[in-house]
N, C-alpha and C. Protein backbone atom coordinates (compact mmCIF):
# COMPACT_ATOMS: atom_id res chain seq x y z
N MET A 1 17.29 -21.09 7.51
CA MET A 1 16.39 -20.69 6.44
C MET A 1 16.57 -19.19 6.20
N HIS A 2 16.66 -18.81 4.95
CA HIS A 2 16.84 -17.40 4.61
C HIS A 2 15.59 -16.61 4.99
N PRO A 3 15.73 -15.37 5.45
CA PRO A 3 14.57 -14.56 5.85
C PRO A 3 13.50 -14.39 4.76
N ILE A 4 13.90 -14.40 3.50
CA ILE A 4 12.90 -14.27 2.41
C ILE A 4 12.06 -15.54 2.34
N VAL A 5 12.69 -16.69 2.48
CA VAL A 5 11.97 -17.97 2.46
C VAL A 5 11.10 -18.09 3.71
N ASP A 6 11.63 -17.66 4.84
CA ASP A 6 10.86 -17.68 6.08
C ASP A 6 9.61 -16.81 5.95
N LEU A 7 9.74 -15.65 5.32
CA LEU A 7 8.58 -14.77 5.10
C LEU A 7 7.53 -15.48 4.24
N ALA A 8 7.97 -16.15 3.19
CA ALA A 8 7.03 -16.88 2.32
C ALA A 8 6.31 -17.97 3.11
N ARG A 9 7.04 -18.74 3.90
CA ARG A 9 6.42 -19.82 4.68
C ARG A 9 5.45 -19.27 5.73
N ARG A 10 5.84 -18.18 6.40
CA ARG A 10 4.95 -17.58 7.40
C ARG A 10 3.68 -17.06 6.73
N ALA A 11 3.81 -16.47 5.55
CA ALA A 11 2.64 -15.95 4.83
C ALA A 11 1.67 -17.09 4.50
N ILE A 12 2.21 -18.21 4.03
CA ILE A 12 1.36 -19.36 3.70
C ILE A 12 0.69 -19.91 4.96
N ARG A 13 1.47 -20.11 6.01
CA ARG A 13 0.94 -20.69 7.25
C ARG A 13 -0.19 -19.82 7.82
N GLU A 14 0.04 -18.51 7.93
CA GLU A 14 -0.98 -17.60 8.48
C GLU A 14 -2.23 -17.59 7.62
N TYR A 15 -2.03 -17.64 6.32
CA TYR A 15 -3.19 -17.63 5.43
C TYR A 15 -3.99 -18.93 5.56
N LEU A 16 -3.29 -20.05 5.62
CA LEU A 16 -4.00 -21.33 5.75
C LEU A 16 -4.68 -21.47 7.12
N GLN A 17 -4.04 -20.95 8.17
CA GLN A 17 -4.62 -21.08 9.52
C GLN A 17 -5.75 -20.09 9.76
N ARG A 18 -5.55 -18.84 9.35
CA ARG A 18 -6.49 -17.77 9.74
C ARG A 18 -7.12 -17.03 8.57
N ARG A 19 -6.71 -17.37 7.34
CA ARG A 19 -7.18 -16.63 6.16
C ARG A 19 -6.79 -15.15 6.23
N GLU A 20 -5.65 -14.88 6.87
CA GLU A 20 -5.15 -13.51 7.00
C GLU A 20 -3.87 -13.35 6.19
N ILE A 21 -3.72 -12.18 5.59
CA ILE A 21 -2.50 -11.85 4.85
C ILE A 21 -1.60 -11.06 5.80
N ILE A 22 -0.42 -11.60 6.07
CA ILE A 22 0.49 -10.95 7.01
C ILE A 22 1.03 -9.65 6.41
N SER A 23 1.49 -8.76 7.26
CA SER A 23 2.15 -7.53 6.83
C SER A 23 3.64 -7.80 6.70
N PRO A 24 4.30 -7.06 5.82
CA PRO A 24 5.76 -7.23 5.74
C PRO A 24 6.42 -6.75 7.02
N PRO A 25 7.63 -7.21 7.30
CA PRO A 25 8.34 -6.73 8.49
C PRO A 25 8.46 -5.20 8.44
N SER A 26 8.44 -4.57 9.61
CA SER A 26 8.48 -3.10 9.65
C SER A 26 9.85 -2.56 9.26
N ASP A 27 10.90 -3.28 9.59
CA ASP A 27 12.24 -2.83 9.20
C ASP A 27 12.78 -3.77 8.11
N LEU A 28 12.39 -3.47 6.88
CA LEU A 28 12.73 -4.35 5.77
C LEU A 28 14.24 -4.35 5.51
N PRO A 29 14.84 -5.53 5.45
CA PRO A 29 16.23 -5.60 5.01
C PRO A 29 16.31 -5.10 3.56
N GLU A 30 17.47 -4.65 3.16
CA GLU A 30 17.65 -4.08 1.82
C GLU A 30 17.16 -5.04 0.73
N GLU A 31 17.43 -6.32 0.86
CA GLU A 31 17.06 -7.28 -0.18
C GLU A 31 15.54 -7.47 -0.30
N MET A 32 14.77 -6.97 0.66
CA MET A 32 13.30 -7.08 0.58
C MET A 32 12.63 -5.74 0.34
N SER A 33 13.41 -4.65 0.30
CA SER A 33 12.76 -3.34 0.21
C SER A 33 12.64 -2.81 -1.21
N GLY A 34 13.43 -3.28 -2.12
CA GLY A 34 13.33 -2.81 -3.50
C GLY A 34 12.07 -3.34 -4.16
N ARG A 35 11.98 -3.13 -5.46
CA ARG A 35 10.84 -3.67 -6.22
C ARG A 35 11.38 -4.59 -7.30
N ALA A 36 10.74 -5.74 -7.46
CA ALA A 36 11.16 -6.71 -8.47
C ALA A 36 10.06 -7.74 -8.65
N GLY A 37 10.11 -8.43 -9.77
CA GLY A 37 9.27 -9.59 -9.96
C GLY A 37 9.75 -10.70 -9.04
N VAL A 38 8.83 -11.52 -8.57
CA VAL A 38 9.15 -12.59 -7.62
C VAL A 38 8.35 -13.84 -7.98
N PHE A 39 9.03 -14.98 -7.98
CA PHE A 39 8.35 -16.27 -8.13
C PHE A 39 8.56 -17.09 -6.87
N VAL A 40 7.49 -17.71 -6.40
CA VAL A 40 7.57 -18.61 -5.26
C VAL A 40 7.22 -20.01 -5.76
N SER A 41 8.14 -20.95 -5.52
CA SER A 41 7.96 -22.34 -5.95
C SER A 41 7.86 -23.24 -4.73
N LEU A 42 6.87 -24.12 -4.76
CA LEU A 42 6.65 -25.07 -3.67
C LEU A 42 6.87 -26.48 -4.21
N LYS A 43 7.59 -27.30 -3.44
CA LYS A 43 7.80 -28.69 -3.83
C LYS A 43 7.47 -29.60 -2.66
N LYS A 44 6.93 -30.75 -3.00
CA LYS A 44 6.63 -31.78 -2.01
C LYS A 44 7.28 -33.06 -2.50
N GLN A 45 8.15 -33.64 -1.69
CA GLN A 45 8.91 -34.84 -2.05
C GLN A 45 9.59 -34.66 -3.41
N GLY A 46 10.14 -33.46 -3.63
CA GLY A 46 10.88 -33.18 -4.85
C GLY A 46 10.04 -32.85 -6.07
N GLN A 47 8.72 -32.95 -5.95
CA GLN A 47 7.83 -32.68 -7.08
C GLN A 47 7.17 -31.31 -6.92
N LEU A 48 7.03 -30.61 -8.03
CA LEU A 48 6.38 -29.30 -7.99
C LEU A 48 4.99 -29.42 -7.37
N ARG A 49 4.68 -28.50 -6.47
CA ARG A 49 3.38 -28.50 -5.77
C ARG A 49 2.64 -27.18 -5.95
N GLY A 50 3.36 -26.18 -6.48
CA GLY A 50 2.76 -24.88 -6.76
C GLY A 50 3.85 -23.90 -7.15
N CYS A 51 3.54 -23.02 -8.08
CA CYS A 51 4.50 -22.01 -8.50
C CYS A 51 3.72 -20.85 -9.10
N ILE A 52 3.85 -19.70 -8.48
CA ILE A 52 3.17 -18.49 -8.97
C ILE A 52 4.15 -17.33 -8.82
N GLY A 53 4.08 -16.42 -9.76
CA GLY A 53 4.94 -15.25 -9.64
C GLY A 53 4.56 -14.13 -10.57
N THR A 54 5.36 -13.09 -10.47
CA THR A 54 5.19 -11.90 -11.29
C THR A 54 6.55 -11.60 -11.91
N PHE A 55 6.58 -11.30 -13.21
CA PHE A 55 7.87 -11.00 -13.82
C PHE A 55 8.20 -9.51 -13.74
N LEU A 56 7.19 -8.70 -13.43
CA LEU A 56 7.39 -7.28 -13.12
C LEU A 56 6.73 -7.02 -11.77
N PRO A 57 7.26 -6.09 -10.99
CA PRO A 57 6.67 -5.86 -9.66
C PRO A 57 5.23 -5.36 -9.74
N ALA A 58 4.40 -5.88 -8.84
CA ALA A 58 2.99 -5.49 -8.78
C ALA A 58 2.64 -4.87 -7.42
N THR A 59 3.62 -4.82 -6.51
CA THR A 59 3.41 -4.29 -5.17
C THR A 59 4.56 -3.32 -4.84
N PRO A 60 4.44 -2.57 -3.74
CA PRO A 60 5.46 -1.58 -3.40
C PRO A 60 6.83 -2.15 -2.97
N SER A 61 6.91 -3.44 -2.58
CA SER A 61 8.20 -3.97 -2.13
C SER A 61 8.32 -5.46 -2.47
N ILE A 62 9.56 -5.93 -2.47
CA ILE A 62 9.82 -7.35 -2.68
C ILE A 62 9.13 -8.16 -1.59
N ALA A 63 9.16 -7.67 -0.36
CA ALA A 63 8.52 -8.40 0.75
C ALA A 63 7.03 -8.62 0.46
N GLU A 64 6.34 -7.58 0.00
CA GLU A 64 4.91 -7.73 -0.30
C GLU A 64 4.69 -8.66 -1.49
N GLU A 65 5.59 -8.61 -2.44
CA GLU A 65 5.52 -9.50 -3.61
C GLU A 65 5.67 -10.96 -3.15
N VAL A 66 6.61 -11.21 -2.23
CA VAL A 66 6.83 -12.56 -1.69
C VAL A 66 5.57 -13.05 -0.99
N ILE A 67 5.00 -12.23 -0.13
CA ILE A 67 3.80 -12.61 0.63
C ILE A 67 2.66 -12.96 -0.33
N ARG A 68 2.39 -12.07 -1.25
CA ARG A 68 1.29 -12.28 -2.19
C ARG A 68 1.49 -13.53 -3.05
N ASN A 69 2.70 -13.70 -3.59
CA ASN A 69 2.94 -14.82 -4.49
C ASN A 69 3.06 -16.14 -3.75
N ALA A 70 3.52 -16.11 -2.50
CA ALA A 70 3.57 -17.35 -1.70
C ALA A 70 2.16 -17.87 -1.46
N ILE A 71 1.27 -16.98 -1.06
CA ILE A 71 -0.13 -17.39 -0.82
C ILE A 71 -0.75 -17.90 -2.11
N SER A 72 -0.51 -17.22 -3.22
CA SER A 72 -1.06 -17.65 -4.51
C SER A 72 -0.50 -19.01 -4.93
N ALA A 73 0.82 -19.22 -4.73
CA ALA A 73 1.42 -20.51 -5.10
C ALA A 73 0.78 -21.65 -4.31
N ALA A 74 0.44 -21.38 -3.05
CA ALA A 74 -0.15 -22.42 -2.19
C ALA A 74 -1.63 -22.63 -2.45
N THR A 75 -2.32 -21.61 -2.93
CA THR A 75 -3.79 -21.71 -3.00
C THR A 75 -4.40 -21.49 -4.39
N GLN A 76 -3.64 -20.97 -5.35
CA GLN A 76 -4.26 -20.60 -6.62
C GLN A 76 -3.59 -21.13 -7.87
N ASP A 77 -2.57 -21.97 -7.73
CA ASP A 77 -1.97 -22.55 -8.94
C ASP A 77 -2.99 -23.50 -9.53
N PRO A 78 -3.47 -23.21 -10.75
CA PRO A 78 -4.55 -24.04 -11.33
C PRO A 78 -4.15 -25.48 -11.62
N ARG A 79 -2.87 -25.78 -11.58
CA ARG A 79 -2.42 -27.15 -11.86
C ARG A 79 -2.55 -28.08 -10.66
N PHE A 80 -2.79 -27.50 -9.46
CA PHE A 80 -2.78 -28.29 -8.24
C PHE A 80 -3.94 -27.90 -7.33
N PRO A 81 -4.39 -28.83 -6.48
CA PRO A 81 -5.35 -28.43 -5.45
C PRO A 81 -4.63 -27.54 -4.44
N PRO A 82 -5.38 -26.71 -3.70
CA PRO A 82 -4.74 -25.86 -2.70
C PRO A 82 -3.96 -26.70 -1.67
N VAL A 83 -2.85 -26.15 -1.21
CA VAL A 83 -2.05 -26.79 -0.16
C VAL A 83 -2.89 -26.80 1.11
N SER A 84 -2.82 -27.91 1.84
CA SER A 84 -3.52 -27.98 3.13
C SER A 84 -2.52 -27.70 4.25
N LEU A 85 -3.03 -27.25 5.36
CA LEU A 85 -2.19 -26.97 6.52
C LEU A 85 -1.46 -28.24 6.97
N ASP A 86 -2.13 -29.39 6.85
CA ASP A 86 -1.53 -30.66 7.26
C ASP A 86 -0.28 -31.03 6.46
N GLU A 87 -0.22 -30.62 5.21
CA GLU A 87 0.92 -31.00 4.38
C GLU A 87 2.02 -29.94 4.34
N LEU A 88 1.79 -28.79 4.95
CA LEU A 88 2.74 -27.68 4.85
C LEU A 88 4.14 -28.05 5.34
N ASP A 89 4.25 -28.84 6.39
CA ASP A 89 5.56 -29.22 6.90
C ASP A 89 6.35 -30.10 5.93
N GLU A 90 5.66 -30.72 4.98
CA GLU A 90 6.32 -31.57 3.99
C GLU A 90 6.76 -30.79 2.76
N ILE A 91 6.43 -29.50 2.71
CA ILE A 91 6.67 -28.70 1.51
C ILE A 91 7.90 -27.82 1.70
N THR A 92 8.77 -27.86 0.67
CA THR A 92 9.91 -26.95 0.64
C THR A 92 9.54 -25.76 -0.24
N CYS A 93 10.19 -24.65 0.04
CA CYS A 93 9.85 -23.40 -0.62
C CYS A 93 11.12 -22.76 -1.15
N SER A 94 11.06 -22.25 -2.37
CA SER A 94 12.16 -21.42 -2.88
C SER A 94 11.55 -20.14 -3.44
N VAL A 95 12.32 -19.07 -3.36
CA VAL A 95 11.88 -17.76 -3.83
C VAL A 95 12.91 -17.24 -4.81
N ASP A 96 12.44 -16.86 -5.99
CA ASP A 96 13.31 -16.28 -7.02
C ASP A 96 12.98 -14.80 -7.15
N ILE A 97 14.00 -13.94 -7.00
CA ILE A 97 13.87 -12.51 -7.23
C ILE A 97 14.43 -12.25 -8.63
N LEU A 98 13.61 -11.68 -9.50
CA LEU A 98 13.97 -11.52 -10.90
C LEU A 98 14.60 -10.16 -11.19
N THR A 99 15.56 -10.16 -12.11
CA THR A 99 16.05 -8.90 -12.66
C THR A 99 15.03 -8.42 -13.69
N GLU A 100 15.14 -7.17 -14.09
CA GLU A 100 14.22 -6.65 -15.09
C GLU A 100 14.45 -7.37 -16.42
N PRO A 101 13.40 -7.84 -17.08
CA PRO A 101 13.57 -8.55 -18.35
C PRO A 101 14.18 -7.63 -19.42
N GLU A 102 15.04 -8.22 -20.25
CA GLU A 102 15.61 -7.48 -21.38
C GLU A 102 15.40 -8.28 -22.65
N ARG A 103 15.03 -7.57 -23.71
CA ARG A 103 14.75 -8.24 -24.98
C ARG A 103 16.05 -8.73 -25.61
N VAL A 104 15.98 -9.90 -26.21
CA VAL A 104 17.14 -10.45 -26.91
C VAL A 104 16.82 -10.54 -28.39
N SER A 105 17.88 -10.50 -29.19
CA SER A 105 17.67 -10.55 -30.63
C SER A 105 18.13 -11.86 -31.25
N SER A 106 18.82 -12.70 -30.45
CA SER A 106 19.22 -14.00 -31.00
C SER A 106 19.34 -15.03 -29.88
N MET A 107 19.28 -16.27 -30.28
CA MET A 107 19.38 -17.39 -29.33
C MET A 107 20.75 -17.42 -28.65
N GLU A 108 21.75 -16.86 -29.30
CA GLU A 108 23.10 -16.85 -28.73
C GLU A 108 23.16 -16.04 -27.43
N GLU A 109 22.20 -15.19 -27.19
CA GLU A 109 22.17 -14.37 -25.98
C GLU A 109 21.51 -15.10 -24.79
N LEU A 110 21.10 -16.36 -25.03
CA LEU A 110 20.41 -17.12 -23.99
C LEU A 110 21.28 -18.24 -23.44
N ASP A 111 21.01 -18.63 -22.22
CA ASP A 111 21.65 -19.76 -21.56
C ASP A 111 20.63 -20.28 -20.56
N HIS A 112 20.11 -21.49 -20.78
CA HIS A 112 19.01 -22.02 -19.96
C HIS A 112 19.37 -22.19 -18.49
N ARG A 113 20.66 -22.26 -18.18
CA ARG A 113 21.06 -22.38 -16.78
C ARG A 113 21.14 -21.00 -16.11
N ARG A 114 21.54 -20.00 -16.87
CA ARG A 114 21.78 -18.66 -16.31
C ARG A 114 20.56 -17.74 -16.41
N TYR A 115 19.81 -17.83 -17.51
CA TYR A 115 18.71 -16.91 -17.76
C TYR A 115 17.36 -17.62 -17.80
N GLY A 116 16.36 -16.98 -17.24
CA GLY A 116 14.99 -17.37 -17.49
C GLY A 116 14.56 -16.69 -18.78
N VAL A 117 13.45 -17.15 -19.34
CA VAL A 117 12.96 -16.55 -20.58
C VAL A 117 11.48 -16.19 -20.47
N ILE A 118 11.14 -15.16 -21.21
CA ILE A 118 9.75 -14.77 -21.41
C ILE A 118 9.54 -14.72 -22.91
N VAL A 119 8.50 -15.39 -23.38
CA VAL A 119 8.13 -15.30 -24.79
C VAL A 119 6.81 -14.55 -24.88
N LYS A 120 6.69 -13.75 -25.93
CA LYS A 120 5.50 -12.92 -26.07
C LYS A 120 5.12 -12.84 -27.54
N LYS A 121 3.83 -13.02 -27.78
CA LYS A 121 3.28 -12.83 -29.12
C LYS A 121 1.88 -12.25 -28.93
N GLY A 122 1.72 -10.99 -29.32
CA GLY A 122 0.44 -10.31 -29.08
C GLY A 122 0.15 -10.33 -27.59
N PRO A 123 -1.06 -10.74 -27.21
CA PRO A 123 -1.40 -10.76 -25.78
C PRO A 123 -0.89 -12.01 -25.05
N LEU A 124 -0.31 -12.96 -25.76
CA LEU A 124 0.14 -14.21 -25.16
C LEU A 124 1.54 -14.07 -24.58
N LYS A 125 1.72 -14.55 -23.34
CA LYS A 125 3.03 -14.49 -22.67
C LYS A 125 3.27 -15.77 -21.91
N GLY A 126 4.50 -16.26 -21.98
CA GLY A 126 4.88 -17.42 -21.20
C GLY A 126 6.26 -17.21 -20.61
N LEU A 127 6.48 -17.75 -19.42
CA LEU A 127 7.74 -17.56 -18.71
C LEU A 127 8.24 -18.91 -18.20
N LEU A 128 9.55 -19.07 -18.24
CA LEU A 128 10.16 -20.24 -17.61
C LEU A 128 11.41 -19.76 -16.88
N LEU A 129 11.50 -20.13 -15.61
CA LEU A 129 12.64 -19.76 -14.78
C LEU A 129 13.90 -20.46 -15.27
N PRO A 130 15.08 -19.94 -14.91
CA PRO A 130 16.33 -20.60 -15.32
C PRO A 130 16.63 -21.82 -14.46
N ASP A 131 17.51 -22.64 -14.98
CA ASP A 131 18.09 -23.75 -14.23
C ASP A 131 17.03 -24.66 -13.61
N ILE A 132 16.08 -25.05 -14.47
CA ILE A 132 15.00 -25.94 -14.05
C ILE A 132 15.42 -27.39 -14.32
N GLU A 133 15.26 -28.24 -13.31
CA GLU A 133 15.60 -29.65 -13.46
C GLU A 133 14.82 -30.25 -14.62
N GLY A 134 15.52 -30.97 -15.49
CA GLY A 134 14.89 -31.61 -16.63
C GLY A 134 14.87 -30.77 -17.90
N VAL A 135 15.26 -29.50 -17.80
CA VAL A 135 15.33 -28.64 -18.99
C VAL A 135 16.80 -28.53 -19.36
N GLY A 136 17.16 -29.16 -20.49
CA GLY A 136 18.58 -29.30 -20.83
C GLY A 136 19.11 -28.42 -21.93
N SER A 137 18.27 -27.53 -22.48
CA SER A 137 18.75 -26.67 -23.57
C SER A 137 17.90 -25.42 -23.68
N VAL A 138 18.44 -24.43 -24.36
CA VAL A 138 17.69 -23.19 -24.63
C VAL A 138 16.46 -23.51 -25.47
N GLU A 139 16.63 -24.38 -26.45
CA GLU A 139 15.51 -24.73 -27.33
C GLU A 139 14.35 -25.33 -26.53
N GLU A 140 14.68 -26.22 -25.60
CA GLU A 140 13.64 -26.84 -24.77
C GLU A 140 13.00 -25.80 -23.85
N GLN A 141 13.80 -24.92 -23.29
CA GLN A 141 13.30 -23.85 -22.43
C GLN A 141 12.30 -22.98 -23.19
N LEU A 142 12.65 -22.59 -24.41
CA LEU A 142 11.76 -21.76 -25.22
C LEU A 142 10.50 -22.51 -25.62
N ARG A 143 10.65 -23.79 -25.96
CA ARG A 143 9.48 -24.60 -26.33
C ARG A 143 8.48 -24.67 -25.18
N ILE A 144 8.97 -24.91 -23.96
CA ILE A 144 8.08 -25.00 -22.80
C ILE A 144 7.43 -23.64 -22.53
N ALA A 145 8.20 -22.57 -22.59
CA ALA A 145 7.64 -21.23 -22.36
C ALA A 145 6.56 -20.91 -23.39
N LYS A 146 6.79 -21.27 -24.65
CA LYS A 146 5.78 -21.03 -25.70
C LYS A 146 4.52 -21.85 -25.43
N MET A 147 4.68 -23.10 -25.04
CA MET A 147 3.50 -23.93 -24.75
C MET A 147 2.71 -23.34 -23.59
N LYS A 148 3.41 -22.86 -22.55
CA LYS A 148 2.72 -22.24 -21.41
C LYS A 148 1.93 -21.02 -21.85
N ALA A 149 2.44 -20.31 -22.87
CA ALA A 149 1.77 -19.10 -23.36
C ALA A 149 0.63 -19.41 -24.33
N GLY A 150 0.58 -20.64 -24.83
CA GLY A 150 -0.40 -20.95 -25.87
C GLY A 150 0.09 -20.58 -27.25
N ILE A 151 1.41 -20.45 -27.40
CA ILE A 151 2.04 -20.13 -28.69
C ILE A 151 2.54 -21.44 -29.29
N ASP A 152 2.38 -21.59 -30.59
CA ASP A 152 2.88 -22.78 -31.29
C ASP A 152 4.39 -22.90 -31.01
N PRO A 153 4.84 -24.06 -30.51
CA PRO A 153 6.27 -24.22 -30.18
C PRO A 153 7.20 -24.00 -31.37
N ASP A 154 6.70 -24.19 -32.58
CA ASP A 154 7.52 -23.99 -33.78
C ASP A 154 7.50 -22.54 -34.28
N ASP A 155 6.68 -21.69 -33.68
CA ASP A 155 6.56 -20.29 -34.10
C ASP A 155 7.87 -19.56 -33.80
N GLN A 156 8.51 -19.03 -34.83
CA GLN A 156 9.76 -18.29 -34.65
C GLN A 156 9.53 -16.78 -34.59
N ASP A 157 8.27 -16.37 -34.73
CA ASP A 157 7.94 -14.95 -34.81
C ASP A 157 7.34 -14.45 -33.50
N CYS A 158 8.14 -14.51 -32.42
CA CYS A 158 7.67 -13.97 -31.15
C CYS A 158 8.83 -13.23 -30.48
N GLU A 159 8.47 -12.33 -29.59
CA GLU A 159 9.49 -11.58 -28.85
C GLU A 159 10.03 -12.48 -27.75
N ILE A 160 11.34 -12.39 -27.52
CA ILE A 160 11.98 -13.18 -26.46
C ILE A 160 12.72 -12.22 -25.53
N TYR A 161 12.50 -12.42 -24.25
CA TYR A 161 13.18 -11.64 -23.21
C TYR A 161 13.92 -12.60 -22.30
N ARG A 162 14.99 -12.10 -21.70
CA ARG A 162 15.72 -12.91 -20.73
C ARG A 162 15.80 -12.14 -19.41
N PHE A 163 15.99 -12.89 -18.35
CA PHE A 163 16.17 -12.29 -17.04
C PHE A 163 17.01 -13.25 -16.19
N MET A 164 17.60 -12.72 -15.14
CA MET A 164 18.34 -13.55 -14.19
C MET A 164 17.56 -13.57 -12.89
N VAL A 165 17.89 -14.52 -12.03
CA VAL A 165 17.23 -14.61 -10.73
C VAL A 165 18.26 -14.76 -9.63
N LYS A 166 17.87 -14.31 -8.46
CA LYS A 166 18.59 -14.66 -7.24
C LYS A 166 17.66 -15.61 -6.52
N ARG A 167 18.11 -16.84 -6.35
CA ARG A 167 17.25 -17.89 -5.79
C ARG A 167 17.58 -18.13 -4.33
N TYR A 168 16.53 -18.13 -3.52
CA TYR A 168 16.65 -18.37 -2.08
C TYR A 168 15.93 -19.67 -1.73
N HIS A 169 16.58 -20.50 -0.90
CA HIS A 169 15.99 -21.79 -0.47
C HIS A 169 15.74 -21.75 1.01
């Protein structure tokens, strides 16, 4: 298991057992010391069980972002009941470290397998990670991101950003 995924799992376990937020390792590896947006995705028997993240960094390090978002994915995703300690061993975890979002001016700059997308219209924002099972086109990726944001899927008048991820399992 990659150390970033191990950190996410330890954060969830400690929080569920003791309601304590663990500290990041004292000697952070380079891949955990920078700042970036981070998404933590939880799956149980192949089905999504929780996913929470930040597209821009909200903490001083990637390690802290992983800890915070892992706990939130397990306990605060409004689509699911909180993860229980009993089911934690059945849950797989992946962590996506995001590059800084960049605005695009045309659909030709997107690729649903390579880039995640952020759609924005006024205060509304929606994000969809890249290479999601069941999402087969850029158009579908944008439609889902718009629906998540509360934007009409047919609305062509919104800002679109793309980003890449480094995914850890």
